[in-house]
Amino acid sequence: MKLVILFMLVTIPIYCYASGSGCSTLDEVINHTIDPSVSLEDYLGLLSPYVHGPLTKNAVTEFKQCFLDQDEETLNYSKVMMEAIFNSDSCQQSS
């Protein structure tokens, strides 16, 4: 289970070439992950096309719960981190 969550965290920066206004689906998932007003049920509904079994559902649930357990300051830093990744030199999109 922890390995699946680790892979989910690792893939976010990898997709930077397709994100940061390049991939609206990924942007929406990231924003819903960080947003504490999005309930677990709504989050699972958003990701339902990508959840194929109980293990994945459990991993997605734990992943979202990790963010729900954080305070507002930590969540704001998460947003800053994602913007820093998308705007970094190694994640610049080609024109």
C-alpha atoms as a PDB file:
ATOM      1  CA  MET A   1       0.000   0.000   0.000  1.00  0.00           C
ATOM      2  CA  LYS A   2       2.769   2.422   0.917  1.00  0.00           C
ATOM      3  CA  LEU A   3       4.503   1.599  -2.358  1.00  0.00           C
ATOM      4  CA  VAL A   4       1.412   2.622  -4.349  1.00  0.00           C
ATOM      5  CA  ILE A   5       1.221   5.929  -2.447  1.00  0.00           C
ATOM      6  CA  LEU A   6       4.939   6.470  -3.056  1.00  0.00           C
ATOM      7  CA  PHE A   7       4.448   5.906  -6.788  1.00  0.00           C
ATOM      8  CA  MET A   8       1.564   8.389  -6.792  1.00  0.00           C
ATOM      9  CA  LEU A   9       3.786  11.034  -5.158  1.00  0.00           C
ATOM     10  CA  VAL A  10       6.711  10.323  -7.479  1.00  0.00           C
ATOM     11  CA  THR A  11       4.663  10.576 -10.662  1.00  0.00           C
ATOM     12  CA  ILE A  12       3.414  14.115  -9.982  1.00  0.00           C
ATOM     13  CA  PRO A  13       6.725  15.819 -10.936  1.00  0.00           C
ATOM     14  CA  ILE A  14       7.237  13.395 -13.832  1.00  0.00           C
ATOM     15  CA  TYR A  15       4.035  14.644 -15.407  1.00  0.00           C
ATOM     16  CA  CYS A  16       5.190  18.255 -15.208  1.00  0.00           C
ATOM     17  CA  TYR A  17       5.775  18.329 -18.953  1.00  0.00           C
ATOM     18  CA  ALA A  18       2.072  17.664 -19.446  1.00  0.00           C
ATOM     19  CA  SER A  19       0.842  19.813 -16.608  1.00  0.00           C
ATOM     20  CA  GLY A  20       0.883  23.356 -15.364  1.00  0.00           C
ATOM     21  CA  SER A  21      -1.766  24.291 -17.942  1.00  0.00           C
ATOM     22  CA  GLY A  22      -0.760  21.524 -20.325  1.00  0.00           C
ATOM     23  CA  CYS A  23      -2.915  18.745 -18.897  1.00  0.00           C
ATOM     24  CA  SER A  24      -6.127  19.963 -17.355  1.00  0.00           C
ATOM     25  CA  THR A  25      -7.028  16.537 -15.938  1.00  0.00           C
ATOM     26  CA  LEU A  26      -3.796  16.298 -13.968  1.00  0.00           C
ATOM     27  CA  ASP A  27      -4.121  19.916 -12.821  1.00  0.00           C
ATOM     28  CA  GLU A  28      -7.648  19.162 -11.602  1.00  0.00           C
ATOM     29  CA  VAL A  29      -6.517  16.042  -9.713  1.00  0.00           C
ATOM     30  CA  ILE A  30      -3.655  17.929  -8.033  1.00  0.00           C
ATOM     31  CA  ASN A  31      -5.923  20.812  -7.053  1.00  0.00           C
ATOM     32  CA  HIS A  32      -8.582  18.447  -5.689  1.00  0.00           C
ATOM     33  CA  THR A  33      -5.917  16.510  -3.783  1.00  0.00           C
ATOM     34  CA  ILE A  34      -4.633  19.614  -2.015  1.00  0.00           C
ATOM     35  CA  ASP A  35      -8.047  21.276  -1.500  1.00  0.00           C
ATOM     36  CA  PRO A  36      -9.384  20.424   1.988  1.00  0.00           C
ATOM     37  CA  SER A  37     -12.945  21.348   0.983  1.00  0.00           C
ATOM     38  CA  VAL A  38     -13.068  18.400  -1.440  1.00  0.00           C
ATOM     39  CA  SER A  39     -14.543  15.422   0.378  1.00  0.00           C
ATOM     40  CA  LEU A  40     -13.145  11.937   0.098  1.00  0.00           C
ATOM     41  CA  GLU A  41     -16.287  10.812  -1.767  1.00  0.00           C
ATOM     42  CA  ASP A  42     -15.943  13.643  -4.327  1.00  0.00           C
ATOM     43  CA  TYR A  43     -12.249  12.851  -4.746  1.00  0.00           C
ATOM     44  CA  LEU A  44     -12.978   9.180  -5.363  1.00  0.00           C
ATOM     45  CA  GLY A  45     -15.655  10.215  -7.856  1.00  0.00           C
ATOM     46  CA  LEU A  46     -13.126  12.326  -9.749  1.00  0.00           C
ATOM     47  CA  LEU A  47     -10.614   9.482  -9.864  1.00  0.00           C
ATOM     48  CA  SER A  48     -13.113   6.667 -10.470  1.00  0.00           C
ATOM     49  CA  PRO A  49     -12.092   6.230 -14.143  1.00  0.00           C
ATOM     50  CA  TYR A  50      -8.536   5.492 -12.962  1.00  0.00           C
ATOM     51  CA  VAL A  51      -9.308   3.316  -9.937  1.00  0.00           C
ATOM     52  CA  HIS A  52      -9.444  -0.335 -10.946  1.00  0.00           C
ATOM     53  CA  GLY A  53      -9.846  -2.385  -7.818  1.00  0.00           C
ATOM     54  CA  PRO A  54      -9.956  -2.269  -4.055  1.00  0.00           C
ATOM     55  CA  LEU A  55      -6.185  -1.889  -3.561  1.00  0.00           C
ATOM     56  CA  THR A  56      -6.025   1.186  -5.762  1.00  0.00           C
ATOM     57  CA  LYS A  57      -9.152   2.610  -4.129  1.00  0.00           C
ATOM     58  CA  ASN A  58      -7.587   2.103  -0.710  1.00  0.00           C
ATOM     59  CA  ALA A  59      -4.338   3.786  -1.834  1.00  0.00           C
ATOM     60  CA  VAL A  60      -6.225   6.766  -3.301  1.00  0.00           C
ATOM     61  CA  THR A  61      -8.270   7.030  -0.106  1.00  0.00           C
ATOM     62  CA  GLU A  62      -5.136   7.038   2.072  1.00  0.00           C
ATOM     63  CA  PHE A  63      -3.432   9.526  -0.248  1.00  0.00           C
ATOM     64  CA  LYS A  64      -6.315  12.011   0.007  1.00  0.00           C
ATOM     65  CA  GLN A  65      -6.606  11.424   3.760  1.00  0.00           C
ATOM     66  CA  CYS A  66      -2.947  12.424   4.149  1.00  0.00           C
ATOM     67  CA  PHE A  67      -3.828  15.840   2.743  1.00  0.00           C
ATOM     68  CA  LEU A  68      -7.051  16.095   4.734  1.00  0.00           C
ATOM     69  CA  ASP A  69      -5.027  15.587   7.923  1.00  0.00           C
ATOM     70  CA  GLN A  70      -2.746  18.568   7.190  1.00  0.00           C
ATOM     71  CA  ASP A  71      -3.218  22.113   8.445  1.00  0.00           C
ATOM     72  CA  GLU A  72      -3.867  25.046   6.096  1.00  0.00           C
ATOM     73  CA  GLU A  73      -0.251  26.247   6.206  1.00  0.00           C
ATOM     74  CA  THR A  74       1.078  22.866   5.039  1.00  0.00           C
ATOM     75  CA  LEU A  75      -1.496  22.734   2.239  1.00  0.00           C
ATOM     76  CA  ASN A  76      -0.457  26.211   1.088  1.00  0.00           C
ATOM     77  CA  TYR A  77       3.169  25.062   1.004  1.00  0.00           C
ATOM     78  CA  SER A  78       2.078  22.079  -1.103  1.00  0.00           C
ATOM     79  CA  LYS A  79       0.573  24.481  -3.643  1.00  0.00           C
ATOM     80  CA  VAL A  80       3.764  26.544  -3.651  1.00  0.00           C
ATOM     81  CA  MET A  81       5.831  23.389  -4.153  1.00  0.00           C
ATOM     82  CA  MET A  82       3.734  22.288  -7.145  1.00  0.00           C
ATOM     83  CA  GLU A  83       4.091  25.707  -8.774  1.00  0.00           C
ATOM     84  CA  ALA A  84       7.851  25.635  -8.155  1.00  0.00           C
ATOM     85  CA  ILE A  85       8.074  22.228  -9.831  1.00  0.00           C
ATOM     86  CA  PHE A  86       6.050  23.312 -12.857  1.00  0.00           C
ATOM     87  CA  ASN A  87       8.040  26.553 -13.219  1.00  0.00           C
ATOM     88  CA  SER A  88      11.481  25.006 -12.684  1.00  0.00           C
ATOM     89  CA  ASP A  89      14.155  24.995 -15.390  1.00  0.00           C
ATOM     90  CA  SER A  90      13.988  21.213 -15.711  1.00  0.00           C
ATOM     91  CA  CYS A  91      10.234  21.325 -16.196  1.00  0.00           C
ATOM     92  CA  GLN A  92       9.916  24.039 -18.821  1.00  0.00           C
ATOM     93  CA  GLN A  93       7.517  23.294 -21.608  1.00  0.00           C
ATOM     94  CA  SER A  94       8.672  23.684 -25.148  1.00  0.00           C
ATOM     95  CA  SER A  95       6.864  26.316 -27.184  1.00  0.00           C
END
